[in-house]
Amino acid sequence: MGTYYNELRNRLILAAVNVNSFAAEGDASHNHLSNGRLAALAEVLEDFGHKVRFRKTMSVTNNCFKILELKIDGELVISNTN
């Protein structure tokens, strides 16, 4: 299970990075797509008993989401307060 968890965790982090990258580019379509992927992967990890936090630390600018903070099981993985 550890290997599968690590794969899902890495995909979750990549999705969050993509959300912010597409926001910086102003690409709302891909930003929203990546945000949906992030939400879906978070749900899967939560189903496996892990705690994922990002929804309360999001901002929206120019119709694009930006992840300000991502925590997985209490570990701060992304901190983007710019």
Protein backbone atom coordinates (compact mmCIF):
# COMPACT_ATOMS: atom_id res chain seq x y z
CA MET A 1 0.00 0.00 0.00
CA GLY A 2 2.89 2.37 0.69
CA THR A 3 3.95 2.40 -2.96
CA TYR A 4 0.42 3.13 -4.20
CA TYR A 5 0.03 5.84 -1.55
CA ASN A 6 3.28 7.46 -2.69
CA GLU A 7 2.09 7.42 -6.31
CA LEU A 8 -1.23 9.04 -5.38
CA ARG A 9 0.54 11.57 -3.15
CA ASN A 10 2.90 12.55 -5.97
CA ARG A 11 0.00 12.89 -8.41
CA LEU A 12 -1.85 15.08 -5.89
CA ILE A 13 1.17 17.36 -5.48
CA LEU A 14 1.65 17.57 -9.26
CA ALA A 15 -2.01 18.50 -9.70
CA ALA A 16 -1.62 21.32 -7.14
CA VAL A 17 1.52 22.58 -8.87
CA ASN A 18 -0.34 22.51 -12.19
CA VAL A 19 -3.26 24.48 -10.70
CA ASN A 20 -0.86 27.24 -9.72
CA SER A 21 1.13 27.10 -12.96
CA PHE A 22 -1.98 27.43 -15.11
CA ALA A 23 -3.23 30.25 -12.86
CA ALA A 24 0.04 32.11 -13.42
CA GLU A 25 -0.40 31.64 -17.19
CA GLY A 26 -4.04 32.76 -17.02
CA ASP A 27 -5.19 29.47 -18.58
CA ALA A 28 -8.55 29.06 -16.85
CA SER A 29 -9.55 25.89 -18.73
CA HIS A 30 -6.48 23.89 -17.72
CA ASN A 31 -6.52 25.50 -14.27
CA HIS A 32 -10.04 24.22 -13.65
CA LEU A 33 -9.18 20.80 -15.08
CA SER A 34 -6.17 20.51 -12.76
CA ASN A 35 -8.26 21.68 -9.80
CA GLY A 36 -10.77 18.91 -10.52
CA ARG A 37 -7.96 16.37 -10.66
CA LEU A 38 -6.61 17.70 -7.37
CA ALA A 39 -10.03 17.38 -5.72
CA ALA A 40 -10.54 13.85 -7.01
CA LEU A 41 -7.11 12.66 -5.84
CA ALA A 42 -7.68 14.30 -2.46
CA GLU A 43 -10.94 12.38 -2.10
CA VAL A 44 -9.18 9.09 -2.86
CA LEU A 45 -6.47 9.76 -0.29
CA GLU A 46 -9.10 10.76 2.26
CA ASP A 47 -10.96 7.51 1.54
CA PHE A 48 -7.74 5.71 2.47
CA GLY A 49 -7.71 7.57 5.79
CA HIS A 50 -5.28 10.38 4.99
CA LYS A 51 -6.01 14.01 5.79
CA VAL A 52 -5.67 16.42 2.85
CA ARG A 53 -6.18 20.14 3.29
CA PHE A 54 -6.24 22.68 0.46
CA ARG A 55 -9.85 23.79 -0.04
CA LYS A 56 -9.84 26.39 2.73
CA THR A 57 -6.57 27.88 1.52
CA MET A 58 -7.51 28.66 -2.08
CA SER A 59 -7.90 32.00 -3.79
CA VAL A 60 -9.54 32.90 -7.09
CA THR A 61 -8.14 35.58 -9.37
CA ASN A 62 -9.19 36.20 -12.97
CA ASN A 63 -11.38 33.08 -12.89
CA CYS A 64 -8.38 30.90 -11.92
CA PHE A 65 -7.88 28.97 -8.70
CA LYS A 66 -4.61 29.27 -6.79
CA ILE A 67 -3.53 26.82 -4.10
CA LEU A 68 -2.00 28.82 -1.27
CA GLU A 69 -1.33 25.86 0.98
CA LEU A 70 -1.46 22.08 0.64
CA LYS A 71 -1.12 19.81 3.65
CA ILE A 72 -1.10 16.03 3.57
CA ASP A 73 -1.42 14.31 6.95
CA GLY A 74 -0.41 17.58 8.61
CA GLU A 75 2.78 17.97 6.53
CA LEU A 76 3.00 21.28 4.69
CA VAL A 77 3.74 20.32 1.09
CA ILE A 78 3.02 23.57 -0.73
CA SER A 79 3.14 27.07 0.70
CA ASN A 80 2.51 29.79 -1.83
CA THR A 81 1.55 33.10 -0.26
CA ASN A 82 2.65 35.33 -3.15
